[in-house]
Amino acid sequence: MATPDTRTQILDAAERLFAEHGYRGTSVRAITTLAGANLAAVGYHFGSKAELMTAVVRRVVEPINAAQRAGLDALLARTSRPSVGELVEAFAGPLFDGMSAGGARTSRLIMTILSDPAEEARGWTGPAEEAVREEFFAAFARALPGVSPGELAFRMRGIVAVTAVDRLEVHQQSVPGCASPEQGAAARRWAVAFLTAAMSAPPPPA
């Protein structure tokens, strides 16, 4: 098996430490020590700690975004008004799958993106990510015309948060809660059903 190159070793170390300690709680020295690299390697390969954070997050999130985009494109090729359940499946399904495959570290990293107060933890998004989010937002808005834009954005954030918390809790159990493919598939169905019900709920009284 080939030894990972220095850039990959730094990415692996940074992903682990950012997931465990957040952006501000992780030093460049800690990253390079864990990676077995010299201190200047972060600057050489990434430019800065902030740019390293962006690279770490993109490595995890881009496959999820690509799967979300493919799912939404397939739905919109079939109908201009997918159901709420279909949209939740296309949006939440890749999140669930990515966090399940990536283990606790991936779930922790996504929780860091959601909750870390450091701007650098949230400044990784680019035009491609914004486009996917905006297209899902527009599709959900068509499916849920009675939900205000502010509440719809809140509900979509909830999809990400609920999925991340669930996957992290499962991965941290001493006996994994989805030890078999059948259990994992069942948990995925439960998540999509729960999130569909939450997204479909009528707005609360003013």
Protein backbone atom coordinates (compact mmCIF):
# COMPACT_ATOMS: atom_id res chain seq x y z
CA MET A 1 0.00 0.00 0.00
CA ALA A 2 1.39 3.40 -0.96
CA THR A 3 2.25 5.82 1.83
CA PRO A 4 -0.01 8.91 1.81
CA ASP A 5 1.74 12.02 0.57
CA THR A 6 2.40 14.94 2.89
CA ARG A 7 -0.62 16.91 1.70
CA THR A 8 -2.96 13.99 2.38
CA GLN A 9 -1.38 13.34 5.78
CA ILE A 10 -1.94 16.99 6.72
CA LEU A 11 -5.56 16.83 5.54
CA ASP A 12 -6.16 13.66 7.56
CA ALA A 13 -4.59 15.13 10.69
CA ALA A 14 -6.42 18.44 10.33
CA GLU A 15 -9.77 16.72 9.78
CA ARG A 16 -9.31 14.72 12.97
CA LEU A 17 -8.19 17.69 15.08
CA PHE A 18 -10.71 20.20 13.70
CA ALA A 19 -13.47 17.64 14.34
CA GLU A 20 -12.30 17.05 17.91
CA HIS A 21 -11.26 20.56 18.99
CA GLY A 22 -12.79 23.04 16.55
CA TYR A 23 -10.94 25.61 14.47
CA ARG A 24 -9.63 27.83 17.25
CA GLY A 25 -8.77 24.88 19.47
CA THR A 26 -6.45 23.40 16.85
CA SER A 27 -2.99 24.79 16.21
CA VAL A 28 -0.93 24.41 13.07
CA ARG A 29 1.79 22.85 15.21
CA ALA A 30 -0.61 20.18 16.48
CA ILE A 31 -1.67 19.39 12.92
CA THR A 32 1.86 19.06 11.58
CA THR A 33 2.99 17.03 14.60
CA LEU A 34 0.16 14.54 14.09
CA ALA A 35 0.86 14.46 10.35
CA GLY A 36 4.60 13.95 10.86
CA ALA A 37 5.30 17.04 8.76
CA ASN A 38 7.36 20.16 9.36
CA LEU A 39 5.68 23.36 10.51
CA ALA A 40 6.09 25.09 7.15
CA ALA A 41 4.22 22.34 5.30
CA VAL A 42 0.79 23.86 5.94
CA GLY A 43 1.85 27.12 4.33
CA TYR A 44 3.50 25.33 1.43
CA HIS A 45 0.55 23.06 0.60
CA PHE A 46 -2.42 25.23 1.64
CA GLY A 47 -1.30 28.80 2.26
CA SER A 48 -2.80 29.24 5.72
CA LYS A 49 -4.67 27.48 8.51
CA ALA A 50 -7.94 28.99 7.22
CA GLU A 51 -7.30 27.66 3.72
CA LEU A 52 -6.48 24.27 5.22
CA MET A 53 -9.84 24.31 7.01
CA THR A 54 -11.52 25.04 3.68
CA ALA A 55 -9.71 22.13 2.02
CA VAL A 56 -10.64 19.75 4.85
CA VAL A 57 -14.31 20.67 4.72
CA ARG A 58 -14.48 20.55 0.94
CA ARG A 59 -12.95 17.08 0.88
CA VAL A 60 -15.77 15.85 3.12
CA VAL A 61 -18.66 17.92 1.81
CA GLU A 62 -18.12 17.99 -1.96
CA PRO A 63 -19.15 14.33 -2.50
CA ILE A 64 -22.27 14.95 -0.41
CA ASN A 65 -23.09 18.08 -2.42
CA ALA A 66 -22.53 16.21 -5.68
CA ALA A 67 -24.95 13.47 -4.62
CA GLN A 68 -27.50 16.08 -3.53
CA ARG A 69 -27.19 17.84 -6.87
CA ALA A 70 -27.61 14.57 -8.79
CA GLY A 71 -30.68 13.64 -6.75
CA LEU A 72 -32.32 17.02 -7.26
CA ASP A 73 -31.52 17.06 -10.98
CA ALA A 74 -33.11 13.62 -11.36
CA LEU A 75 -36.25 14.78 -9.56
CA LEU A 76 -36.57 17.98 -11.58
CA ALA A 77 -36.06 16.07 -14.82
CA ARG A 78 -39.18 14.11 -13.93
CA THR A 79 -41.38 16.84 -12.46
CA SER A 80 -41.17 20.55 -11.73
CA ARG A 81 -42.82 20.04 -8.33
CA PRO A 82 -41.32 17.10 -6.42
CA SER A 83 -43.03 16.13 -3.18
CA VAL A 84 -41.62 17.12 0.21
CA GLY A 85 -40.66 13.50 0.85
CA GLU A 86 -38.78 13.24 -2.44
CA LEU A 87 -36.91 16.46 -1.70
CA VAL A 88 -36.00 15.33 1.80
CA GLU A 89 -34.70 12.04 0.39
CA ALA A 90 -32.57 13.92 -2.17
CA PHE A 91 -31.27 16.42 0.41
CA ALA A 92 -30.96 14.34 3.59
CA GLY A 93 -30.13 10.98 2.03
CA PRO A 94 -26.62 11.94 0.87
CA LEU A 95 -25.96 13.60 4.24
CA PHE A 96 -26.96 10.42 6.04
CA ASP A 97 -24.92 8.24 3.69
CA GLY A 98 -21.84 10.46 3.87
CA MET A 99 -21.89 10.64 7.66
CA SER A 100 -22.54 6.91 7.96
CA ALA A 101 -19.60 6.09 5.69
CA GLY A 102 -17.29 8.69 7.23
CA GLY A 103 -17.82 7.63 10.83
CA ALA A 104 -17.82 9.79 13.93
CA ARG A 105 -15.11 12.10 12.58
CA THR A 106 -17.20 13.19 9.60
CA SER A 107 -20.25 13.76 11.79
CA ARG A 108 -18.17 15.77 14.28
CA LEU A 109 -16.69 17.85 11.48
CA ILE A 110 -20.13 18.70 10.15
CA MET A 111 -21.24 19.58 13.69
CA THR A 112 -18.19 21.87 13.86
CA ILE A 113 -19.26 23.59 10.64
CA LEU A 114 -22.71 24.15 12.16
CA SER A 115 -21.63 25.33 15.60
CA ASP A 116 -18.05 26.62 15.63
CA PRO A 117 -18.07 30.39 16.28
CA ALA A 118 -14.93 30.88 14.18
CA GLU A 119 -15.73 32.48 10.84
CA GLU A 120 -13.10 30.27 9.24
CA ALA A 121 -15.23 27.21 10.05
CA ARG A 122 -18.08 28.58 7.97
CA GLY A 123 -16.23 30.45 5.22
CA TRP A 124 -15.60 27.44 3.00
CA THR A 125 -18.71 27.68 0.84
CA GLY A 126 -18.38 28.68 -2.80
CA PRO A 127 -20.67 29.21 -5.79
CA ALA A 128 -21.28 25.48 -6.31
CA GLU A 129 -22.40 24.91 -2.72
CA GLU A 130 -24.55 28.03 -2.72
CA ALA A 131 -26.21 26.96 -5.97
CA VAL A 132 -27.18 23.56 -4.56
CA ARG A 133 -28.58 25.15 -1.40
CA GLU A 134 -30.53 27.77 -3.34
CA GLU A 135 -32.01 25.21 -5.74
CA PHE A 136 -33.16 22.99 -2.88
CA PHE A 137 -34.55 26.04 -1.12
CA ALA A 138 -36.54 26.99 -4.22
CA ALA A 139 -37.84 23.44 -4.66
CA PHE A 140 -38.90 23.19 -1.01
CA ALA A 141 -40.56 26.61 -1.29
CA ARG A 142 -42.68 25.37 -4.21
CA ALA A 143 -43.64 22.26 -2.25
CA LEU A 144 -44.38 24.23 0.95
CA PRO A 145 -46.00 27.49 -0.18
CA GLY A 146 -47.34 28.29 3.29
CA VAL A 147 -43.94 28.29 4.97
CA SER A 148 -42.12 31.63 5.16
CA PRO A 149 -38.58 31.94 3.78
CA GLY A 150 -37.16 32.39 7.27
CA GLU A 151 -38.89 29.31 8.63
CA LEU A 152 -37.96 27.28 5.57
CA ALA A 153 -34.28 28.13 6.04
CA PHE A 154 -34.64 27.11 9.71
CA ARG A 155 -36.18 23.78 8.73
CA MET A 156 -33.44 23.06 6.19
CA ARG A 157 -30.77 23.75 8.82
CA GLY A 158 -32.67 21.33 11.02
CA ILE A 159 -32.27 18.56 8.45
CA VAL A 160 -28.50 18.92 8.63
CA ALA A 161 -28.40 19.26 12.42
CA VAL A 162 -30.69 16.32 13.17
CA THR A 163 -28.84 14.05 10.74
CA ALA A 164 -25.43 15.01 12.14
CA VAL A 165 -26.48 14.55 15.78
CA ASP A 166 -28.06 11.18 15.03
CA ARG A 167 -25.05 9.83 13.12
CA LEU A 168 -22.60 11.10 15.74
CA GLU A 169 -24.58 9.48 18.56
CA VAL A 170 -24.72 6.18 16.66
CA HIS A 171 -20.99 6.18 15.91
CA GLN A 172 -20.10 6.92 19.55
CA GLN A 173 -22.05 4.00 21.00
CA SER A 174 -19.92 1.17 22.39
CA VAL A 175 -21.97 -1.17 20.20
CA PRO A 176 -22.80 0.65 16.93
CA GLY A 177 -26.52 1.13 16.46
CA CYS A 178 -26.30 0.31 12.74
CA ALA A 179 -23.98 -2.67 12.84
CA SER A 180 -25.51 -4.34 9.79
CA PRO A 181 -26.53 -3.01 6.36
CA GLU A 182 -30.14 -3.85 7.21
CA GLN A 183 -30.01 -1.78 10.41
CA GLY A 184 -28.37 1.07 8.54
CA ALA A 185 -31.04 1.02 5.84
CA ALA A 186 -33.78 1.00 8.48
CA ALA A 187 -32.22 3.97 10.28
CA ARG A 188 -32.04 5.85 6.99
CA ARG A 189 -35.75 5.24 6.36
CA TRP A 190 -36.57 6.43 9.87
CA ALA A 191 -34.53 9.59 9.37
CA VAL A 192 -36.16 10.44 6.04
CA ALA A 193 -39.66 9.75 7.41
CA PHE A 194 -39.04 11.87 10.52
CA LEU A 195 -37.54 14.76 8.58
CA THR A 196 -40.31 14.64 5.98
CA ALA A 197 -42.88 14.97 8.75
CA ALA A 198 -40.96 17.88 10.27
CA MET A 199 -40.60 19.67 6.94
CA SER A 200 -44.30 19.10 6.13
CA ALA A 201 -45.64 20.45 9.43
CA PRO A 202 -47.96 23.46 9.14
CA PRO A 203 -46.44 26.76 10.24
CA PRO A 204 -47.14 27.64 13.89
CA PRO A 205 -49.74 30.32 14.64
CA ALA A 206 -48.35 33.84 14.51
